[in-house]
Amino acid sequence: MEIPHWKPAGRRYLLLFLLLALALGGAGWYVLQETPEPELVLTVEETGGEHREQAGASGQIEVYISGAVKKPGVYDVPAGSRVYDLVRAAGDVIPYADMEAVNLSAPLADGDFIHVPLAPDRTAVTEHPMVNINTAGLAELESLPGIGEVTARKILDYREEHGLFREKRELLDVPSIGEGRYAKIEDRVTL
């Protein structure tokens, strides 16, 4: 079996991809290590009526939250807490959460599972995913409106010559990308 020979340009792209993956992985690990657990300080008024909670001796209950929240997981919250308290403990919701599908005022009981779904009508943005101009390949760049193969190659050449983009407007420095073409892709690109 013959080992494929890598072209110098292919090696540079592979090396760039590996370095970027290492940097992003390290940054992600650092953020996760340095992010403190959210503190939950609640003032809950008793409103009377029956509550379903079965609090332990500590007055805490364990509940699980998943879906469109920043930090899904199992949380210990005070007995008498409501769904909105749990959402707040989980770092709040992410964009496109379907908050109409969740009763934020519902009382929580020990062992409850709360799922915050994504709003189906607001997630249609995924039909045109964001393109990272620092990591995108030729095909991804060509998926942008008004960007053909020639312009996509110019973006790749510019990135190889000048390094990663520091801001989206640097695309205006790429030959053949003017204000009009930039306006078409501005909302579809990210760093």
C-alpha atoms as a PDB file:
ATOM      1  CA  MET A   1       0.000   0.000   0.000  1.00  0.00           C
ATOM      2  CA  GLU A   2       1.408   3.357  -0.983  1.00  0.00           C
ATOM      3  CA  ILE A   3       1.410   6.192   1.542  1.00  0.00           C
ATOM      4  CA  PRO A   4      -0.200   9.322   0.095  1.00  0.00           C
ATOM      5  CA  HIS A   5       2.106  12.264  -0.413  1.00  0.00           C
ATOM      6  CA  TRP A   6       0.907  15.496   1.225  1.00  0.00           C
ATOM      7  CA  LYS A   7       1.303  18.686  -0.728  1.00  0.00           C
ATOM      8  CA  PRO A   8       2.928  21.573   1.191  1.00  0.00           C
ATOM      9  CA  ALA A   9      -0.314  23.587   1.144  1.00  0.00           C
ATOM     10  CA  GLY A  10      -2.231  20.590   2.531  1.00  0.00           C
ATOM     11  CA  ARG A  11       0.304  20.232   5.327  1.00  0.00           C
ATOM     12  CA  ARG A  12      -0.090  23.878   6.248  1.00  0.00           C
ATOM     13  CA  TYR A  13      -3.874  23.536   6.400  1.00  0.00           C
ATOM     14  CA  LEU A  14      -3.571  20.373   8.478  1.00  0.00           C
ATOM     15  CA  LEU A  15      -1.077  22.043  10.818  1.00  0.00           C
ATOM     16  CA  LEU A  16      -3.288  25.133  11.077  1.00  0.00           C
ATOM     17  CA  PHE A  17      -6.314  22.971  11.820  1.00  0.00           C
ATOM     18  CA  LEU A  18      -4.444  20.988  14.492  1.00  0.00           C
ATOM     19  CA  LEU A  19      -3.108  24.140  16.157  1.00  0.00           C
ATOM     20  CA  LEU A  20      -6.549  25.727  16.121  1.00  0.00           C
ATOM     21  CA  ALA A  21      -8.126  22.565  17.543  1.00  0.00           C
ATOM     22  CA  LEU A  22      -5.525  22.464  20.323  1.00  0.00           C
ATOM     23  CA  ALA A  23      -6.021  26.140  21.118  1.00  0.00           C
ATOM     24  CA  LEU A  24      -9.805  25.849  21.202  1.00  0.00           C
ATOM     25  CA  GLY A  25      -9.649  22.659  23.238  1.00  0.00           C
ATOM     26  CA  GLY A  26      -7.265  24.238  25.738  1.00  0.00           C
ATOM     27  CA  ALA A  27      -9.363  27.372  25.996  1.00  0.00           C
ATOM     28  CA  GLY A  28     -12.503  25.298  26.525  1.00  0.00           C
ATOM     29  CA  TRP A  29     -10.809  23.202  29.204  1.00  0.00           C
ATOM     30  CA  TYR A  30      -9.559  26.350  30.941  1.00  0.00           C
ATOM     31  CA  VAL A  31     -13.007  27.968  30.891  1.00  0.00           C
ATOM     32  CA  LEU A  32     -14.625  24.841  32.280  1.00  0.00           C
ATOM     33  CA  GLN A  33     -12.008  24.594  35.025  1.00  0.00           C
ATOM     34  CA  GLU A  34     -12.277  28.234  36.028  1.00  0.00           C
ATOM     35  CA  THR A  35     -16.064  28.605  35.884  1.00  0.00           C
ATOM     36  CA  PRO A  36     -17.433  28.646  39.418  1.00  0.00           C
ATOM     37  CA  GLU A  37     -20.593  26.746  40.173  1.00  0.00           C
ATOM     38  CA  PRO A  38     -23.562  29.087  40.231  1.00  0.00           C
ATOM     39  CA  GLU A  39     -24.597  30.136  43.677  1.00  0.00           C
ATOM     40  CA  LEU A  40     -28.263  29.882  44.396  1.00  0.00           C
ATOM     41  CA  VAL A  41     -29.624  32.395  46.848  1.00  0.00           C
ATOM     42  CA  LEU A  42     -33.382  32.337  46.883  1.00  0.00           C
ATOM     43  CA  THR A  43     -36.139  33.999  48.792  1.00  0.00           C
ATOM     44  CA  VAL A  44     -39.248  31.934  48.298  1.00  0.00           C
ATOM     45  CA  GLU A  45     -42.557  32.965  49.805  1.00  0.00           C
ATOM     46  CA  GLU A  46     -44.849  30.226  50.986  1.00  0.00           C
ATOM     47  CA  THR A  47     -48.205  30.718  49.327  1.00  0.00           C
ATOM     48  CA  GLY A  48     -50.074  28.017  51.146  1.00  0.00           C
ATOM     49  CA  GLY A  49     -51.699  25.097  49.407  1.00  0.00           C
ATOM     50  CA  GLU A  50     -50.182  21.687  48.911  1.00  0.00           C
ATOM     51  CA  HIS A  51     -46.607  21.315  47.772  1.00  0.00           C
ATOM     52  CA  ARG A  52     -45.328  18.097  46.263  1.00  0.00           C
ATOM     53  CA  GLU A  53     -41.755  18.399  47.488  1.00  0.00           C
ATOM     54  CA  GLN A  54     -40.256  15.818  49.734  1.00  0.00           C
ATOM     55  CA  ALA A  55     -37.307  17.692  51.156  1.00  0.00           C
ATOM     56  CA  GLY A  56     -34.565  15.871  52.925  1.00  0.00           C
ATOM     57  CA  ALA A  57     -33.345  16.779  56.384  1.00  0.00           C
ATOM     58  CA  SER A  58     -31.357  19.674  54.874  1.00  0.00           C
ATOM     59  CA  GLY A  59     -34.440  21.298  53.349  1.00  0.00           C
ATOM     60  CA  GLN A  60     -32.960  20.751  49.872  1.00  0.00           C
ATOM     61  CA  ILE A  61     -34.380  18.824  46.931  1.00  0.00           C
ATOM     62  CA  GLU A  62     -32.551  17.458  43.887  1.00  0.00           C
ATOM     63  CA  VAL A  63     -33.936  18.251  40.440  1.00  0.00           C
ATOM     64  CA  TYR A  64     -32.619  17.695  36.927  1.00  0.00           C
ATOM     65  CA  ILE A  65     -32.826  20.273  34.131  1.00  0.00           C
ATOM     66  CA  SER A  66     -31.875  19.712  30.494  1.00  0.00           C
ATOM     67  CA  GLY A  67     -32.321  21.298  27.090  1.00  0.00           C
ATOM     68  CA  ALA A  68     -31.942  24.961  26.222  1.00  0.00           C
ATOM     69  CA  VAL A  69     -30.170  26.139  29.402  1.00  0.00           C
ATOM     70  CA  LYS A  70     -26.546  27.202  29.752  1.00  0.00           C
ATOM     71  CA  LYS A  71     -25.600  24.550  32.342  1.00  0.00           C
ATOM     72  CA  PRO A  72     -27.902  21.528  32.264  1.00  0.00           C
ATOM     73  CA  GLY A  73     -27.533  19.074  35.136  1.00  0.00           C
ATOM     74  CA  VAL A  74     -28.713  18.033  38.586  1.00  0.00           C
ATOM     75  CA  TYR A  75     -29.125  20.837  41.119  1.00  0.00           C
ATOM     76  CA  ASP A  76     -29.810  20.972  44.838  1.00  0.00           C
ATOM     77  CA  VAL A  77     -32.352  23.722  45.415  1.00  0.00           C
ATOM     78  CA  PRO A  78     -34.293  24.701  48.529  1.00  0.00           C
ATOM     79  CA  ALA A  79     -37.621  23.003  49.087  1.00  0.00           C
ATOM     80  CA  GLY A  80     -40.393  25.248  47.797  1.00  0.00           C
ATOM     81  CA  SER A  81     -38.384  26.373  44.753  1.00  0.00           C
ATOM     82  CA  ARG A  82     -40.084  26.967  41.420  1.00  0.00           C
ATOM     83  CA  VAL A  83     -39.002  26.140  37.881  1.00  0.00           C
ATOM     84  CA  TYR A  84     -37.754  29.714  37.341  1.00  0.00           C
ATOM     85  CA  ASP A  85     -35.401  29.261  40.333  1.00  0.00           C
ATOM     86  CA  LEU A  86     -33.986  26.126  38.716  1.00  0.00           C
ATOM     87  CA  VAL A  87     -33.571  27.872  35.349  1.00  0.00           C
ATOM     88  CA  ARG A  88     -31.700  30.672  37.097  1.00  0.00           C
ATOM     89  CA  ALA A  89     -29.475  28.149  38.913  1.00  0.00           C
ATOM     90  CA  ALA A  90     -28.684  26.540  35.537  1.00  0.00           C
ATOM     91  CA  GLY A  91     -27.297  29.845  34.226  1.00  0.00           C
ATOM     92  CA  ASP A  92     -30.516  30.958  32.485  1.00  0.00           C
ATOM     93  CA  VAL A  93     -31.737  29.917  29.051  1.00  0.00           C
ATOM     94  CA  ILE A  94     -29.866  30.044  25.766  1.00  0.00           C
ATOM     95  CA  PRO A  95     -31.153  31.906  22.701  1.00  0.00           C
ATOM     96  CA  TYR A  96     -34.069  30.216  20.949  1.00  0.00           C
ATOM     97  CA  ALA A  97     -35.389  28.535  24.110  1.00  0.00           C
ATOM     98  CA  ASP A  98     -39.124  27.908  23.918  1.00  0.00           C
ATOM     99  CA  MET A  99     -40.157  29.565  27.160  1.00  0.00           C
ATOM    100  CA  GLU A 100     -43.847  29.217  26.343  1.00  0.00           C
ATOM    101  CA  ALA A 101     -43.506  25.428  26.645  1.00  0.00           C
ATOM    102  CA  VAL A 102     -42.286  25.649  30.251  1.00  0.00           C
ATOM    103  CA  ASN A 103     -44.367  26.675  33.262  1.00  0.00           C
ATOM    104  CA  LEU A 104     -41.830  28.812  35.115  1.00  0.00           C
ATOM    105  CA  SER A 105     -44.068  29.171  38.158  1.00  0.00           C
ATOM    106  CA  ALA A 106     -44.575  25.425  38.706  1.00  0.00           C
ATOM    107  CA  PRO A 107     -43.344  24.175  42.101  1.00  0.00           C
ATOM    108  CA  LEU A 108     -40.510  21.666  42.098  1.00  0.00           C
ATOM    109  CA  ALA A 109     -40.469  18.321  43.886  1.00  0.00           C
ATOM    110  CA  ASP A 110     -37.518  16.111  44.754  1.00  0.00           C
ATOM    111  CA  GLY A 111     -36.507  14.095  41.682  1.00  0.00           C
ATOM    112  CA  ASP A 112     -38.299  16.296  39.124  1.00  0.00           C
ATOM    113  CA  PHE A 113     -37.030  16.439  35.545  1.00  0.00           C
ATOM    114  CA  ILE A 114     -37.467  19.740  33.684  1.00  0.00           C
ATOM    115  CA  HIS A 115     -36.694  20.000  29.962  1.00  0.00           C
ATOM    116  CA  VAL A 116     -36.511  23.405  28.243  1.00  0.00           C
ATOM    117  CA  PRO A 117     -37.029  22.798  24.495  1.00  0.00           C
ATOM    118  CA  LEU A 118     -35.831  24.925  21.608  1.00  0.00           C
ATOM    119  CA  ALA A 119     -38.461  27.022  19.861  1.00  0.00           C
ATOM    120  CA  PRO A 120     -39.077  25.270  16.516  1.00  0.00           C
ATOM    121  CA  ASP A 121     -40.046  28.472  14.707  1.00  0.00           C
ATOM    122  CA  ARG A 122     -36.929  30.314  15.868  1.00  0.00           C
ATOM    123  CA  THR A 123     -34.395  27.587  15.110  1.00  0.00           C
ATOM    124  CA  ALA A 124     -34.889  27.806  11.357  1.00  0.00           C
ATOM    125  CA  VAL A 125     -31.637  29.772  11.372  1.00  0.00           C
ATOM    126  CA  THR A 126     -29.875  26.412  11.097  1.00  0.00           C
ATOM    127  CA  GLU A 127     -30.896  26.274   7.424  1.00  0.00           C
ATOM    128  CA  HIS A 128     -28.018  28.698   6.892  1.00  0.00           C
ATOM    129  CA  PRO A 129     -25.400  27.848   9.500  1.00  0.00           C
ATOM    130  CA  MET A 130     -22.753  30.361  10.513  1.00  0.00           C
ATOM    131  CA  VAL A 131     -19.424  30.001   8.722  1.00  0.00           C
ATOM    132  CA  ASN A 132     -16.256  30.488  10.751  1.00  0.00           C
ATOM    133  CA  ILE A 133     -13.941  32.398   8.427  1.00  0.00           C
ATOM    134  CA  ASN A 134     -10.897  31.274  10.429  1.00  0.00           C
ATOM    135  CA  THR A 135     -11.552  27.551  10.043  1.00  0.00           C
ATOM    136  CA  ALA A 136     -13.819  27.185   6.993  1.00  0.00           C
ATOM    137  CA  GLY A 137     -12.654  25.293   3.977  1.00  0.00           C
ATOM    138  CA  LEU A 138     -13.384  26.049   0.352  1.00  0.00           C
ATOM    139  CA  ALA A 139     -16.831  24.393   0.274  1.00  0.00           C
ATOM    140  CA  GLU A 140     -18.023  26.168   3.432  1.00  0.00           C
ATOM    141  CA  LEU A 141     -16.905  29.547   2.129  1.00  0.00           C
ATOM    142  CA  GLU A 142     -18.657  28.890  -1.184  1.00  0.00           C
ATOM    143  CA  SER A 143     -21.916  28.316   0.733  1.00  0.00           C
ATOM    144  CA  LEU A 144     -21.977  32.036   1.567  1.00  0.00           C
ATOM    145  CA  PRO A 145     -24.154  34.236  -0.655  1.00  0.00           C
ATOM    146  CA  GLY A 146     -22.180  35.861  -3.459  1.00  0.00           C
ATOM    147  CA  ILE A 147     -19.001  33.882  -2.743  1.00  0.00           C
ATOM    148  CA  GLY A 148     -17.902  31.612  -5.549  1.00  0.00           C
ATOM    149  CA  GLU A 149     -14.858  29.399  -5.861  1.00  0.00           C
ATOM    150  CA  VAL A 150     -12.547  32.232  -6.940  1.00  0.00           C
ATOM    151  CA  THR A 151     -13.449  34.496  -4.021  1.00  0.00           C
ATOM    152  CA  ALA A 152     -13.382  31.582  -1.572  1.00  0.00           C
ATOM    153  CA  ARG A 153      -9.820  30.802  -2.695  1.00  0.00           C
ATOM    154  CA  LYS A 154      -8.887  34.470  -2.223  1.00  0.00           C
ATOM    155  CA  ILE A 155     -10.191  34.286   1.364  1.00  0.00           C
ATOM    156  CA  LEU A 156      -8.113  31.156   2.002  1.00  0.00           C
ATOM    157  CA  ASP A 157      -5.037  32.755   0.427  1.00  0.00           C
ATOM    158  CA  TYR A 158      -5.511  35.918   2.472  1.00  0.00           C
ATOM    159  CA  ARG A 159      -5.874  33.870   5.678  1.00  0.00           C
ATOM    160  CA  GLU A 160      -2.751  31.873   4.867  1.00  0.00           C
ATOM    161  CA  GLU A 161      -0.722  35.003   4.125  1.00  0.00           C
ATOM    162  CA  HIS A 162      -1.977  37.233   6.966  1.00  0.00           C
ATOM    163  CA  GLY A 163      -3.019  34.712   9.632  1.00  0.00           C
ATOM    164  CA  LEU A 164      -6.403  34.354  11.293  1.00  0.00           C
ATOM    165  CA  PHE A 165      -8.980  37.095  10.990  1.00  0.00           C
ATOM    166  CA  ARG A 166      -9.232  39.253  14.120  1.00  0.00           C
ATOM    167  CA  GLU A 167     -12.589  40.750  13.137  1.00  0.00           C
ATOM    168  CA  LYS A 168     -15.172  40.108  10.446  1.00  0.00           C
ATOM    169  CA  ARG A 169     -14.598  43.456   8.710  1.00  0.00           C
ATOM    170  CA  GLU A 170     -11.104  42.283   7.728  1.00  0.00           C
ATOM    171  CA  LEU A 171     -12.882  40.453   4.914  1.00  0.00           C
ATOM    172  CA  LEU A 172     -12.997  43.838   3.187  1.00  0.00           C
ATOM    173  CA  ASP A 173      -9.209  43.547   2.785  1.00  0.00           C
ATOM    174  CA  VAL A 174      -9.652  40.408   0.649  1.00  0.00           C
ATOM    175  CA  PRO A 175      -9.477  41.265  -3.060  1.00  0.00           C
ATOM    176  CA  SER A 176     -12.921  41.273  -4.722  1.00  0.00           C
ATOM    177  CA  ILE A 177     -14.872  41.668  -1.463  1.00  0.00           C
ATOM    178  CA  GLY A 178     -16.358  45.111  -1.323  1.00  0.00           C
ATOM    179  CA  GLU A 179     -19.006  46.679   0.888  1.00  0.00           C
ATOM    180  CA  GLY A 180     -21.874  45.187  -1.132  1.00  0.00           C
ATOM    181  CA  ARG A 181     -20.618  41.613  -1.012  1.00  0.00           C
ATOM    182  CA  TYR A 182     -19.608  42.024   2.635  1.00  0.00           C
ATOM    183  CA  ALA A 183     -23.136  43.215   3.527  1.00  0.00           C
ATOM    184  CA  LYS A 184     -24.554  39.980   2.043  1.00  0.00           C
ATOM    185  CA  ILE A 185     -22.360  37.727   4.202  1.00  0.00           C
ATOM    186  CA  GLU A 186     -21.853  39.792   7.377  1.00  0.00           C
ATOM    187  CA  ASP A 187     -24.652  38.047   9.293  1.00  0.00           C
ATOM    188  CA  ARG A 188     -23.556  34.588   8.140  1.00  0.00           C
ATOM    189  CA  VAL A 189     -19.885  34.696   9.188  1.00  0.00           C
ATOM    190  CA  THR A 190     -18.244  34.388  12.576  1.00  0.00           C
ATOM    191  CA  LEU A 191     -14.731  34.128  13.984  1.00  0.00           C
END
